[in-house]
């Protein structure tokens, strides 16, 4: 998979060094093919709804994983990675080849990803609060993100939760990389623009919506 480089960076004073944004990274055919791969992953590892630590409040986003490590959260033990599905106890499915190819193309890191976190956004109130990805043992490898389906209003900040942020739209097929200083940047999803894409609805996801895939290294 060879794509245009280096992509376009949104005009934002808040974007830290190492942030890259590649609009239209995946073609329409590649998006459809990847979505078929993800449907097979979800069939083997059904979507679950994690809960916030301490409060136990369910997150609005449903998720699942592929690879050797899967991200999970519950009230008692908080954010962490598991080697098996938290509901059926089975090992996570293998990561689709297209995602391994995207990592090789975008990450600039010698080792393969260990976690493919699949977030499914469906419904008018689904969002992701401002956070940073810091549950891994190492932050040397980047986080690579791919978007499918409805557009999202994405919020990007810096290394401080209370620092300045900016927002821009992520569309189906877009890629984003958090590397270097940006690896620990705060970010979130303010809202999903329902009906902006027909991709998920065409591929059997009732009600449409958005899928975001993030590829990560977990261990050093």
N, C-alpha and C. Protein backbone atom coordinates (compact mmCIF):
# COMPACT_ATOMS: atom_id res chain seq x y z
N UNK A 1 0.86 -1.19 0.00
CA UNK A 1 0.00 0.00 0.00
C UNK A 1 0.89 1.23 0.00
N UNK A 2 0.90 1.96 -1.09
CA UNK A 2 1.71 3.17 -1.18
C UNK A 2 0.79 4.36 -1.38
N UNK A 3 0.91 5.33 -0.51
CA UNK A 3 -0.02 6.46 -0.52
C UNK A 3 0.75 7.77 -0.62
N UNK A 4 0.03 8.87 -0.98
CA UNK A 4 0.68 10.16 -1.02
C UNK A 4 1.21 10.54 0.36
N UNK A 5 2.38 11.14 0.41
CA UNK A 5 2.97 11.59 1.65
C UNK A 5 3.37 13.06 1.47
N UNK A 6 3.43 13.84 2.54
CA UNK A 6 3.16 13.47 3.92
C UNK A 6 1.74 13.79 4.36
N UNK A 7 0.89 14.31 3.49
CA UNK A 7 -0.47 14.65 3.91
C UNK A 7 -0.57 16.11 4.32
N UNK A 8 -1.75 16.47 4.76
CA UNK A 8 -2.04 17.86 5.09
C UNK A 8 -2.28 18.00 6.57
N UNK A 9 -1.69 19.00 7.18
CA UNK A 9 -1.88 19.26 8.60
C UNK A 9 -2.87 20.40 8.75
N UNK A 10 -3.95 20.23 9.51
CA UNK A 10 -4.90 21.32 9.72
C UNK A 10 -4.21 22.54 10.30
N UNK A 11 -4.67 23.70 9.94
CA UNK A 11 -4.09 24.93 10.45
C UNK A 11 -4.50 25.10 11.91
N UNK A 12 -3.60 24.74 12.82
CA UNK A 12 -3.92 24.77 14.24
C UNK A 12 -2.66 25.01 15.04
N UNK A 13 -2.67 26.05 15.85
CA UNK A 13 -1.53 26.30 16.72
C UNK A 13 -1.46 25.26 17.83
N UNK A 14 -2.55 24.50 18.03
CA UNK A 14 -2.59 23.53 19.11
C UNK A 14 -1.94 22.21 18.71
N UNK A 15 -1.80 21.95 17.42
CA UNK A 15 -1.30 20.66 16.97
C UNK A 15 0.19 20.53 17.30
N UNK A 16 0.57 19.56 18.14
CA UNK A 16 1.97 19.41 18.49
C UNK A 16 2.77 18.73 17.40
N UNK A 17 4.08 18.81 17.51
CA UNK A 17 4.97 18.20 16.52
C UNK A 17 4.76 16.70 16.49
N UNK A 18 4.77 16.14 15.29
CA UNK A 18 4.56 14.71 15.13
C UNK A 18 3.15 14.34 14.72
N UNK A 19 2.25 15.32 14.67
CA UNK A 19 0.88 15.06 14.22
C UNK A 19 0.84 15.14 12.70
N UNK A 20 0.23 14.14 12.07
CA UNK A 20 0.05 14.13 10.62
C UNK A 20 -1.38 13.74 10.28
N UNK A 21 -1.92 14.39 9.27
CA UNK A 21 -3.28 14.15 8.81
C UNK A 21 -3.25 13.92 7.31
N UNK A 22 -3.77 12.77 6.87
CA UNK A 22 -3.76 12.42 5.45
C UNK A 22 -5.20 12.21 4.98
N UNK A 23 -5.84 13.25 4.46
CA UNK A 23 -7.22 13.10 3.97
C UNK A 23 -7.27 12.19 2.76
N UNK A 24 -8.32 11.34 2.72
CA UNK A 24 -8.51 10.47 1.57
C UNK A 24 -7.43 9.41 1.41
N UNK A 25 -6.84 8.98 2.50
CA UNK A 25 -5.77 7.99 2.43
C UNK A 25 -6.26 6.68 1.82
N UNK A 26 -7.47 6.25 2.19
CA UNK A 26 -8.04 5.02 1.65
C UNK A 26 -9.00 5.35 0.52
N UNK A 27 -8.88 4.66 -0.59
CA UNK A 27 -9.81 4.82 -1.69
C UNK A 27 -11.17 4.23 -1.31
N UNK A 28 -12.19 4.48 -2.11
CA UNK A 28 -13.52 3.93 -1.85
C UNK A 28 -13.47 2.41 -1.82
N UNK A 29 -12.75 1.80 -2.76
CA UNK A 29 -12.65 0.35 -2.79
C UNK A 29 -11.92 -0.19 -1.57
N UNK A 30 -10.87 0.50 -1.14
CA UNK A 30 -10.12 0.08 0.04
C UNK A 30 -10.96 0.21 1.31
N UNK A 31 -11.78 1.25 1.37
CA UNK A 31 -12.66 1.41 2.52
C UNK A 31 -13.65 0.25 2.62
N UNK A 32 -14.25 -0.10 1.50
CA UNK A 32 -15.22 -1.18 1.49
C UNK A 32 -14.55 -2.50 1.87
N UNK A 33 -13.36 -2.76 1.32
CA UNK A 33 -12.65 -3.99 1.62
C UNK A 33 -12.28 -4.07 3.10
N UNK A 34 -11.81 -2.95 3.66
CA UNK A 34 -11.44 -2.93 5.07
C UNK A 34 -12.66 -3.14 5.95
N UNK A 35 -13.79 -2.56 5.57
CA UNK A 35 -15.00 -2.73 6.36
C UNK A 35 -15.44 -4.19 6.37
N UNK A 36 -15.27 -4.88 5.26
CA UNK A 36 -15.58 -6.32 5.22
C UNK A 36 -14.66 -7.09 6.17
N UNK A 37 -13.38 -6.70 6.21
CA UNK A 37 -12.45 -7.32 7.16
C UNK A 37 -12.90 -7.10 8.60
N UNK A 38 -13.33 -5.88 8.88
CA UNK A 38 -13.73 -5.54 10.25
C UNK A 38 -15.02 -6.27 10.65
N UNK A 39 -15.90 -6.49 9.69
CA UNK A 39 -17.11 -7.26 10.00
C UNK A 39 -16.75 -8.67 10.44
N UNK A 40 -15.74 -9.27 9.82
CA UNK A 40 -15.31 -10.60 10.22
C UNK A 40 -14.69 -10.59 11.62
N UNK A 41 -13.93 -9.53 11.93
CA UNK A 41 -13.37 -9.41 13.27
C UNK A 41 -14.49 -9.30 14.30
N UNK A 42 -15.49 -8.47 14.01
CA UNK A 42 -16.59 -8.26 14.96
C UNK A 42 -17.41 -9.52 15.13
N UNK A 43 -17.53 -10.32 14.07
CA UNK A 43 -18.25 -11.59 14.18
C UNK A 43 -17.56 -12.53 15.15
N UNK A 44 -16.22 -12.54 15.13
CA UNK A 44 -15.46 -13.41 16.03
C UNK A 44 -15.29 -12.82 17.42
N UNK A 45 -15.24 -11.50 17.50
CA UNK A 45 -15.05 -10.80 18.78
C UNK A 45 -16.13 -9.72 18.89
N UNK A 46 -17.33 -10.07 19.37
CA UNK A 46 -18.46 -9.15 19.35
C UNK A 46 -18.18 -7.83 20.09
N UNK A 47 -18.86 -6.81 19.64
CA UNK A 47 -18.73 -5.49 20.26
C UNK A 47 -19.16 -5.54 21.72
N UNK A 48 -18.47 -4.81 22.56
CA UNK A 48 -18.82 -4.66 23.97
C UNK A 48 -18.81 -3.18 24.33
N UNK A 49 -19.38 -2.86 25.46
CA UNK A 49 -19.46 -1.47 25.90
C UNK A 49 -18.66 -1.34 27.20
N UNK A 50 -17.45 -0.77 27.14
CA UNK A 50 -16.64 -0.65 28.35
C UNK A 50 -17.25 0.36 29.33
N UNK A 51 -16.80 0.29 30.56
CA UNK A 51 -17.28 1.20 31.61
C UNK A 51 -16.14 2.03 32.18
N UNK A 52 -16.49 3.20 32.63
CA UNK A 52 -15.51 4.10 33.20
C UNK A 52 -15.01 3.57 34.54
N UNK A 53 -13.73 3.77 34.84
CA UNK A 53 -13.23 3.40 36.17
C UNK A 53 -13.98 4.20 37.26
N UNK A 54 -14.08 3.60 38.42
CA UNK A 54 -14.69 4.20 39.61
C UNK A 54 -16.19 4.40 39.48
N UNK A 55 -16.65 5.19 38.48
CA UNK A 55 -18.08 5.47 38.38
C UNK A 55 -18.86 4.29 37.81
N UNK A 56 -18.22 3.49 36.95
CA UNK A 56 -18.91 2.39 36.29
C UNK A 56 -19.85 2.84 35.19
N UNK A 57 -19.82 4.11 34.84
CA UNK A 57 -20.71 4.62 33.80
C UNK A 57 -20.31 4.05 32.44
N UNK A 58 -21.26 3.49 31.68
CA UNK A 58 -20.90 2.92 30.38
C UNK A 58 -20.49 4.01 29.39
N UNK A 59 -19.49 3.73 28.60
CA UNK A 59 -19.11 4.63 27.52
C UNK A 59 -20.15 4.56 26.41
N UNK A 60 -20.29 5.63 25.66
CA UNK A 60 -21.27 5.63 24.58
C UNK A 60 -20.78 4.88 23.36
N UNK A 61 -19.47 4.70 23.24
CA UNK A 61 -18.87 4.01 22.10
C UNK A 61 -18.78 2.51 22.39
N UNK A 62 -19.17 1.69 21.43
CA UNK A 62 -18.94 0.25 21.52
C UNK A 62 -17.63 -0.09 20.83
N UNK A 63 -16.99 -1.16 21.26
CA UNK A 63 -15.68 -1.46 20.70
C UNK A 63 -15.36 -2.93 20.74
N UNK A 64 -14.32 -3.29 19.99
CA UNK A 64 -13.70 -4.61 20.06
C UNK A 64 -12.27 -4.45 19.57
N UNK A 65 -11.53 -5.56 19.48
CA UNK A 65 -10.12 -5.50 19.14
C UNK A 65 -9.70 -6.64 18.25
N UNK A 66 -8.55 -6.47 17.59
CA UNK A 66 -7.85 -7.53 16.89
C UNK A 66 -6.38 -7.41 17.24
N UNK A 67 -5.65 -8.52 17.12
CA UNK A 67 -4.23 -8.52 17.46
C UNK A 67 -3.97 -9.28 18.74
N UNK A 68 -2.77 -9.16 19.27
CA UNK A 68 -2.41 -9.89 20.49
C UNK A 68 -2.92 -9.22 21.76
N UNK A 69 -3.20 -7.92 21.70
CA UNK A 69 -3.64 -7.16 22.86
C UNK A 69 -4.95 -6.44 22.53
N UNK A 70 -5.84 -6.38 23.50
CA UNK A 70 -7.11 -5.69 23.31
C UNK A 70 -7.37 -4.71 24.45
N UNK A 71 -7.76 -3.49 24.10
CA UNK A 71 -8.01 -2.46 25.12
C UNK A 71 -9.38 -2.68 25.75
N UNK A 72 -9.46 -2.46 27.07
CA UNK A 72 -10.68 -2.69 27.82
C UNK A 72 -10.70 -1.78 29.05
N UNK A 73 -11.88 -1.53 29.57
CA UNK A 73 -12.02 -0.76 30.80
C UNK A 73 -13.26 -1.22 31.54
N UNK A 74 -13.16 -1.33 32.87
CA UNK A 74 -14.33 -1.59 33.70
C UNK A 74 -14.20 -0.81 35.00
N UNK A 75 -15.22 -0.91 35.84
CA UNK A 75 -15.27 -0.11 37.05
C UNK A 75 -14.19 -0.50 38.05
N UNK A 76 -13.92 -1.79 38.17
CA UNK A 76 -13.03 -2.24 39.24
C UNK A 76 -11.55 -2.07 38.93
N UNK A 77 -11.13 -2.40 37.70
CA UNK A 77 -9.70 -2.41 37.38
C UNK A 77 -9.28 -1.34 36.39
N UNK A 78 -10.21 -0.57 35.88
CA UNK A 78 -9.87 0.57 35.04
C UNK A 78 -9.35 0.20 33.66
N UNK A 79 -8.58 1.13 33.07
CA UNK A 79 -8.08 0.99 31.71
C UNK A 79 -6.92 -0.01 31.68
N UNK A 80 -6.96 -0.93 30.69
CA UNK A 80 -5.89 -1.90 30.60
C UNK A 80 -6.02 -2.68 29.28
N UNK A 81 -5.03 -3.53 29.03
CA UNK A 81 -5.05 -4.41 27.87
C UNK A 81 -5.23 -5.85 28.32
N UNK A 82 -6.02 -6.59 27.53
CA UNK A 82 -6.29 -8.00 27.81
C UNK A 82 -5.84 -8.84 26.63
N UNK A 83 -5.54 -10.11 26.91
CA UNK A 83 -5.17 -11.04 25.85
C UNK A 83 -6.33 -11.80 25.27
N UNK A 84 -7.53 -11.58 25.82
CA UNK A 84 -8.71 -12.29 25.34
C UNK A 84 -9.94 -11.40 25.46
N UNK A 85 -10.98 -11.77 24.74
CA UNK A 85 -12.23 -11.01 24.74
C UNK A 85 -12.83 -11.05 26.15
N UNK A 86 -13.29 -9.90 26.69
CA UNK A 86 -13.76 -9.88 28.07
C UNK A 86 -15.09 -10.59 28.29
N UNK A 87 -15.82 -10.89 27.21
CA UNK A 87 -17.13 -11.54 27.35
C UNK A 87 -17.04 -13.03 27.04
N UNK A 88 -16.48 -13.39 25.87
CA UNK A 88 -16.46 -14.81 25.50
C UNK A 88 -15.15 -15.51 25.87
N UNK A 89 -14.16 -14.76 26.34
CA UNK A 89 -12.92 -15.36 26.80
C UNK A 89 -12.02 -15.90 25.72
N UNK A 90 -12.33 -15.65 24.45
CA UNK A 90 -11.52 -16.17 23.36
C UNK A 90 -10.39 -15.20 23.01
N UNK A 91 -9.29 -15.71 22.46
CA UNK A 91 -8.22 -14.80 22.00
C UNK A 91 -8.76 -13.84 20.94
N UNK A 92 -8.17 -12.67 20.88
CA UNK A 92 -8.59 -11.71 19.86
C UNK A 92 -8.28 -12.24 18.46
N UNK A 93 -9.10 -11.92 17.48
CA UNK A 93 -8.80 -12.34 16.10
C UNK A 93 -7.50 -11.72 15.59
N UNK A 94 -6.96 -12.33 14.57
CA UNK A 94 -5.76 -11.79 13.94
C UNK A 94 -6.06 -10.44 13.29
N UNK A 95 -5.06 -9.61 13.22
CA UNK A 95 -5.22 -8.30 12.61
C UNK A 95 -5.30 -8.43 11.09
N UNK A 96 -6.26 -7.79 10.44
CA UNK A 96 -6.35 -7.87 8.98
C UNK A 96 -5.08 -7.40 8.29
N UNK A 97 -4.75 -8.05 7.19
CA UNK A 97 -3.52 -7.73 6.45
C UNK A 97 -3.50 -6.28 5.98
N UNK A 98 -4.66 -5.73 5.62
CA UNK A 98 -4.70 -4.35 5.14
C UNK A 98 -4.26 -3.38 6.23
N UNK A 99 -4.57 -3.69 7.48
CA UNK A 99 -4.16 -2.81 8.58
C UNK A 99 -2.67 -2.93 8.85
N UNK A 100 -2.12 -4.13 8.74
CA UNK A 100 -0.68 -4.29 8.88
C UNK A 100 0.06 -3.51 7.78
N UNK A 101 -0.51 -3.52 6.59
CA UNK A 101 0.10 -2.77 5.48
C UNK A 101 0.03 -1.27 5.73
N UNK A 102 -1.09 -0.80 6.27
CA UNK A 102 -1.22 0.62 6.57
C UNK A 102 -0.22 1.04 7.64
N UNK A 103 -0.04 0.21 8.65
CA UNK A 103 0.95 0.51 9.69
C UNK A 103 2.36 0.61 9.08
N UNK A 104 2.70 -0.35 8.23
CA UNK A 104 4.02 -0.34 7.61
C UNK A 104 4.22 0.91 6.76
N UNK A 105 3.15 1.37 6.13
CA UNK A 105 3.21 2.53 5.26
C UNK A 105 3.30 3.84 6.05
N UNK A 106 2.66 3.89 7.21
CA UNK A 106 2.48 5.17 7.91
C UNK A 106 3.29 5.33 9.19
N UNK A 107 3.57 4.23 9.89
CA UNK A 107 4.07 4.35 11.26
C UNK A 107 5.53 4.78 11.35
N UNK A 108 6.35 4.35 10.39
CA UNK A 108 7.76 4.64 10.50
C UNK A 108 8.38 4.00 11.73
N UNK A 109 7.91 2.79 12.06
CA UNK A 109 8.38 2.09 13.25
C UNK A 109 8.70 0.65 12.86
N UNK A 110 9.80 0.07 13.36
CA UNK A 110 10.25 -1.23 12.85
C UNK A 110 9.39 -2.42 13.25
N UNK A 111 8.69 -2.33 14.38
CA UNK A 111 7.92 -3.47 14.87
C UNK A 111 6.44 -3.32 14.52
N UNK A 112 5.73 -4.44 14.34
CA UNK A 112 4.32 -4.38 13.95
C UNK A 112 3.42 -3.95 15.10
N UNK A 113 2.19 -3.54 14.80
CA UNK A 113 1.25 -3.19 15.87
C UNK A 113 0.81 -4.43 16.63
N UNK A 114 0.44 -4.23 17.89
CA UNK A 114 -0.04 -5.32 18.72
C UNK A 114 -1.54 -5.22 19.00
N UNK A 115 -2.08 -4.02 18.87
CA UNK A 115 -3.50 -3.81 19.15
C UNK A 115 -4.15 -3.05 18.01
N UNK A 116 -5.27 -3.56 17.54
CA UNK A 116 -6.16 -2.84 16.64
C UNK A 116 -7.45 -2.60 17.41
N UNK A 117 -7.62 -1.40 17.93
CA UNK A 117 -8.83 -1.04 18.66
C UNK A 117 -9.86 -0.52 17.68
N UNK A 118 -11.04 -1.14 17.69
CA UNK A 118 -12.12 -0.79 16.76
C UNK A 118 -13.22 -0.11 17.55
N UNK A 119 -13.41 1.18 17.33
CA UNK A 119 -14.46 1.95 17.99
C UNK A 119 -15.63 2.16 17.03
N UNK A 120 -16.83 1.83 17.47
CA UNK A 120 -18.03 1.96 16.63
C UNK A 120 -18.92 3.05 17.23
N UNK A 121 -19.15 4.09 16.44
CA UNK A 121 -19.97 5.23 16.85
C UNK A 121 -21.31 5.13 16.13
N UNK A 122 -22.36 4.87 16.87
CA UNK A 122 -23.71 4.83 16.30
C UNK A 122 -24.68 5.52 17.25
N UNK A 123 -25.46 6.44 16.70
CA UNK A 123 -26.42 7.18 17.52
C UNK A 123 -26.05 8.65 17.64
N UNK A 124 -27.04 9.52 17.85
CA UNK A 124 -26.81 10.96 17.84
C UNK A 124 -26.00 11.48 19.03
N UNK A 125 -25.91 10.74 20.11
CA UNK A 125 -25.23 11.24 21.31
C UNK A 125 -23.89 10.57 21.56
N UNK A 126 -23.43 9.78 20.64
CA UNK A 126 -22.16 9.07 20.83
C UNK A 126 -21.00 10.03 20.61
N UNK A 127 -20.05 10.02 21.52
CA UNK A 127 -18.89 10.89 21.44
C UNK A 127 -17.74 10.24 22.19
N UNK A 128 -16.59 10.88 22.15
CA UNK A 128 -15.42 10.43 22.90
C UNK A 128 -14.81 11.66 23.57
N UNK A 129 -14.81 11.66 24.90
CA UNK A 129 -14.29 12.81 25.63
C UNK A 129 -12.80 13.01 25.43
N UNK A 130 -12.33 14.18 25.77
CA UNK A 130 -10.92 14.53 25.62
C UNK A 130 -10.07 13.60 26.49
N UNK A 131 -9.09 12.96 25.87
CA UNK A 131 -8.25 11.98 26.56
C UNK A 131 -6.93 11.86 25.81
N UNK A 132 -6.02 11.08 26.36
CA UNK A 132 -4.83 10.72 25.61
C UNK A 132 -4.55 9.24 25.81
N UNK A 133 -3.89 8.63 24.85
CA UNK A 133 -3.63 7.20 24.87
C UNK A 133 -2.35 6.95 25.66
N UNK A 134 -2.50 6.56 26.93
CA UNK A 134 -1.34 6.44 27.81
C UNK A 134 -1.35 5.15 28.62
N UNK A 135 -2.06 4.13 28.15
CA UNK A 135 -2.12 2.86 28.88
C UNK A 135 -1.09 1.85 28.38
N UNK A 136 -0.24 2.27 27.46
CA UNK A 136 0.76 1.37 26.91
C UNK A 136 2.05 1.45 27.74
N UNK A 137 2.90 0.44 27.59
CA UNK A 137 4.17 0.42 28.31
C UNK A 137 5.19 1.36 27.68
N UNK A 138 5.04 1.64 26.40
CA UNK A 138 5.97 2.51 25.69
C UNK A 138 5.21 3.47 24.80
N UNK A 139 5.77 4.67 24.63
CA UNK A 139 5.16 5.68 23.76
C UNK A 139 6.06 5.98 22.57
N UNK A 140 7.06 5.12 22.33
CA UNK A 140 7.97 5.36 21.22
C UNK A 140 7.29 5.14 19.88
N UNK A 141 6.40 4.17 19.81
CA UNK A 141 5.68 3.91 18.56
C UNK A 141 4.50 4.87 18.44
N UNK A 142 4.09 5.23 17.22
CA UNK A 142 2.96 6.14 17.05
C UNK A 142 1.63 5.42 17.24
N UNK A 143 0.57 6.19 17.28
CA UNK A 143 -0.79 5.69 17.13
C UNK A 143 -1.26 6.06 15.72
N UNK A 144 -1.68 5.06 14.96
CA UNK A 144 -2.17 5.28 13.59
C UNK A 144 -3.67 5.08 13.59
N UNK A 145 -4.40 6.05 13.05
CA UNK A 145 -5.86 6.05 13.08
C UNK A 145 -6.43 6.10 11.67
N UNK A 146 -7.47 5.29 11.42
CA UNK A 146 -8.18 5.28 10.15
C UNK A 146 -9.67 5.45 10.41
N UNK A 147 -10.36 6.22 9.57
CA UNK A 147 -11.78 6.50 9.73
C UNK A 147 -12.59 5.89 8.60
N UNK A 148 -13.76 5.34 8.95
CA UNK A 148 -14.69 4.78 7.98
C UNK A 148 -16.10 5.24 8.32
N UNK A 149 -16.88 5.59 7.29
CA UNK A 149 -18.27 5.93 7.52
C UNK A 149 -18.50 7.42 7.75
N UNK A 150 -19.47 7.72 8.61
CA UNK A 150 -19.86 9.12 8.85
C UNK A 150 -18.67 9.97 9.29
N UNK A 151 -18.70 11.23 8.91
CA UNK A 151 -17.67 12.17 9.33
C UNK A 151 -17.80 12.47 10.83
N UNK A 152 -16.67 12.80 11.44
CA UNK A 152 -16.63 13.13 12.86
C UNK A 152 -16.01 14.50 13.04
N UNK A 153 -16.49 15.23 14.04
CA UNK A 153 -15.84 16.48 14.44
C UNK A 153 -14.80 16.10 15.49
N UNK A 154 -13.55 16.15 15.10
CA UNK A 154 -12.44 15.70 15.92
C UNK A 154 -11.80 16.89 16.62
N UNK A 155 -11.48 16.74 17.90
CA UNK A 155 -10.84 17.82 18.66
C UNK A 155 -9.43 17.40 19.03
N UNK A 156 -8.48 18.27 18.74
CA UNK A 156 -7.08 18.00 19.00
C UNK A 156 -6.50 19.09 19.90
N UNK A 157 -5.80 18.66 20.93
CA UNK A 157 -5.13 19.58 21.82
C UNK A 157 -3.64 19.29 21.89
N UNK A 158 -3.04 19.71 22.98
CA UNK A 158 -1.61 19.50 23.19
C UNK A 158 -1.37 18.56 24.35
N UNK A 159 -0.31 18.82 25.08
CA UNK A 159 0.10 17.91 26.15
C UNK A 159 -0.57 18.22 27.48
N UNK A 160 -1.32 19.30 27.54
CA UNK A 160 -2.06 19.65 28.76
C UNK A 160 -3.55 19.55 28.49
N UNK A 161 -4.28 18.93 29.41
CA UNK A 161 -5.73 18.81 29.23
C UNK A 161 -6.40 20.18 29.12
N UNK A 162 -5.87 21.16 29.82
CA UNK A 162 -6.48 22.49 29.82
C UNK A 162 -5.88 23.43 28.79
N UNK A 163 -5.02 22.91 27.93
CA UNK A 163 -4.41 23.74 26.91
C UNK A 163 -5.36 24.02 25.76
N UNK A 164 -4.93 24.84 24.81
CA UNK A 164 -5.78 25.18 23.67
C UNK A 164 -6.06 23.97 22.80
N UNK A 165 -7.22 23.95 22.18
CA UNK A 165 -7.60 22.88 21.26
C UNK A 165 -8.17 23.49 19.99
N UNK A 166 -8.23 22.69 18.97
CA UNK A 166 -8.92 23.08 17.73
C UNK A 166 -9.68 21.87 17.24
N UNK A 167 -10.66 22.10 16.38
CA UNK A 167 -11.45 20.99 15.86
C UNK A 167 -11.46 21.03 14.33
N UNK A 168 -11.60 19.87 13.74
CA UNK A 168 -11.72 19.75 12.29
C UNK A 168 -12.47 18.46 12.01
N UNK A 169 -12.88 18.26 10.77
CA UNK A 169 -13.68 17.10 10.41
C UNK A 169 -12.78 15.98 9.87
N UNK A 170 -13.05 14.78 10.37
CA UNK A 170 -12.43 13.56 9.83
C UNK A 170 -13.47 12.86 8.98
N UNK A 171 -13.13 12.56 7.74
CA UNK A 171 -14.06 11.93 6.81
C UNK A 171 -13.67 10.48 6.55
N UNK A 172 -14.57 9.75 5.95
CA UNK A 172 -14.32 8.35 5.63
C UNK A 172 -13.10 8.22 4.72
N UNK A 173 -12.17 7.35 5.11
CA UNK A 173 -10.95 7.16 4.34
C UNK A 173 -9.77 7.96 4.81
N UNK A 174 -9.99 8.90 5.74
CA UNK A 174 -8.89 9.72 6.24
C UNK A 174 -8.00 8.92 7.19
N UNK A 175 -6.73 9.27 7.24
CA UNK A 175 -5.77 8.69 8.17
C UNK A 175 -5.17 9.79 9.02
N UNK A 176 -4.75 9.42 10.21
CA UNK A 176 -4.15 10.39 11.14
C UNK A 176 -3.09 9.65 11.94
N UNK A 177 -1.99 10.33 12.22
CA UNK A 177 -0.89 9.73 12.97
C UNK A 177 -0.53 10.64 14.13
N UNK A 178 -0.43 10.06 15.32
CA UNK A 178 0.06 10.75 16.51
C UNK A 178 1.42 10.14 16.83
N UNK A 179 2.47 10.90 16.61
CA UNK A 179 3.83 10.42 16.82
C UNK A 179 4.64 11.51 17.51
N UNK A 180 5.82 11.13 18.01
CA UNK A 180 6.68 12.11 18.65
C UNK A 180 5.99 12.81 19.80
N UNK A 181 6.08 14.12 19.84
CA UNK A 181 5.42 14.90 20.88
C UNK A 181 3.91 14.69 20.86
N UNK A 182 3.35 14.54 19.67
CA UNK A 182 1.89 14.38 19.53
C UNK A 182 1.39 13.03 20.03
N UNK A 183 2.30 12.10 20.30
CA UNK A 183 1.88 10.77 20.76
C UNK A 183 1.02 10.85 22.02
N UNK A 184 1.28 11.82 22.87
CA UNK A 184 0.52 11.97 24.11
C UNK A 184 -0.35 13.22 24.10
N UNK A 185 -0.73 13.66 22.91
CA UNK A 185 -1.62 14.82 22.80
C UNK A 185 -3.04 14.43 23.22
N UNK A 186 -3.73 15.36 23.85
CA UNK A 186 -5.14 15.15 24.19
C UNK A 186 -5.99 15.29 22.93
N UNK A 187 -7.00 14.44 22.82
CA UNK A 187 -7.85 14.45 21.64
C UNK A 187 -9.19 13.80 21.98
N UNK A 188 -10.17 14.02 21.14
CA UNK A 188 -11.49 13.44 21.37
C UNK A 188 -12.40 13.67 20.18
N UNK A 189 -13.60 13.15 20.25
CA UNK A 189 -14.60 13.29 19.19
C UNK A 189 -15.80 14.03 19.77
N UNK A 190 -16.07 15.23 19.26
CA UNK A 190 -17.17 16.05 19.77
C UNK A 190 -18.53 15.50 19.34
N UNK A 191 -18.63 15.10 18.09
CA UNK A 191 -19.91 14.57 17.60
C UNK A 191 -19.70 13.89 16.25
N UNK A 192 -20.69 13.07 15.91
CA UNK A 192 -20.70 12.38 14.61
C UNK A 192 -21.74 13.07 13.73
N UNK A 193 -21.40 13.31 12.48
CA UNK A 193 -22.30 13.95 11.53
C UNK A 193 -23.11 12.86 10.84
N UNK A 194 -24.20 12.46 11.49
CA UNK A 194 -25.01 11.35 11.02
C UNK A 194 -25.52 11.55 9.61
N UNK A 195 -25.44 10.52 8.79
CA UNK A 195 -25.93 10.59 7.41
C UNK A 195 -24.95 11.17 6.43
N UNK A 196 -23.72 11.51 6.87
CA UNK A 196 -22.75 12.08 5.95
C UNK A 196 -22.09 11.03 5.06
N UNK A 197 -22.27 9.75 5.40
CA UNK A 197 -21.75 8.66 4.57
C UNK A 197 -22.75 7.51 4.59
N UNK A 198 -22.80 6.76 3.49
CA UNK A 198 -23.66 5.59 3.40
C UNK A 198 -22.86 4.30 3.53
N UNK A 199 -21.57 4.40 3.76
CA UNK A 199 -20.70 3.23 3.71
C UNK A 199 -21.14 2.13 4.68
N UNK A 200 -21.32 2.45 5.95
CA UNK A 200 -21.65 1.42 6.93
C UNK A 200 -23.03 0.83 6.68
N UNK A 201 -23.98 1.69 6.31
CA UNK A 201 -25.34 1.20 6.04
C UNK A 201 -25.35 0.24 4.86
N UNK A 202 -24.55 0.54 3.82
CA UNK A 202 -24.47 -0.35 2.65
C UNK A 202 -23.86 -1.69 3.01
N UNK A 203 -22.98 -1.70 4.00
CA UNK A 203 -22.26 -2.93 4.35
C UNK A 203 -22.88 -3.66 5.53
N UNK A 204 -24.15 -3.36 5.82
CA UNK A 204 -24.87 -4.17 6.79
C UNK A 204 -24.85 -3.66 8.22
N UNK A 205 -24.32 -2.48 8.47
CA UNK A 205 -24.37 -1.89 9.81
C UNK A 205 -25.66 -1.09 9.92
N UNK A 206 -26.65 -1.66 10.58
CA UNK A 206 -27.96 -1.02 10.66
C UNK A 206 -27.85 0.35 11.31
N UNK A 207 -28.39 1.36 10.65
CA UNK A 207 -28.34 2.71 11.16
C UNK A 207 -27.09 3.47 10.76
N UNK A 208 -26.17 2.82 10.03
CA UNK A 208 -24.96 3.51 9.59
C UNK A 208 -24.03 3.82 10.75
N UNK A 209 -23.39 4.99 10.70
CA UNK A 209 -22.49 5.40 11.76
C UNK A 209 -21.06 5.49 11.30
N UNK A 210 -20.16 5.48 12.26
CA UNK A 210 -18.72 5.64 12.00
C UNK A 210 -17.93 4.57 12.72
N UNK A 211 -16.88 4.09 12.07
CA UNK A 211 -15.91 3.21 12.71
C UNK A 211 -14.56 3.89 12.66
N UNK A 212 -13.89 3.92 13.81
CA UNK A 212 -12.52 4.40 13.88
C UNK A 212 -11.63 3.24 14.33
N UNK A 213 -10.55 3.06 13.62
CA UNK A 213 -9.58 2.01 13.94
C UNK A 213 -8.28 2.68 14.37
N UNK A 214 -7.74 2.28 15.53
CA UNK A 214 -6.43 2.77 15.92
C UNK A 214 -5.48 1.59 16.09
N UNK A 215 -4.29 1.75 15.54
CA UNK A 215 -3.26 0.72 15.61
C UNK A 215 -2.18 1.18 16.59
N UNK A 216 -1.77 0.28 17.49
CA UNK A 216 -0.87 0.66 18.57
C UNK A 216 0.14 -0.45 18.89
N UNK A 217 1.30 -0.05 19.39
CA UNK A 217 2.18 -0.94 20.11
C UNK A 217 1.86 -0.82 21.59
N UNK A 218 1.89 -1.94 22.30
CA UNK A 218 1.56 -1.93 23.73
C UNK A 218 2.80 -2.12 24.59
N UNK A 219 3.65 -3.05 24.22
CA UNK A 219 4.85 -3.34 25.00
C UNK A 219 6.08 -2.74 24.34
N UNK A 220 7.13 -2.62 25.12
CA UNK A 220 8.37 -2.03 24.60
C UNK A 220 9.03 -2.99 23.62
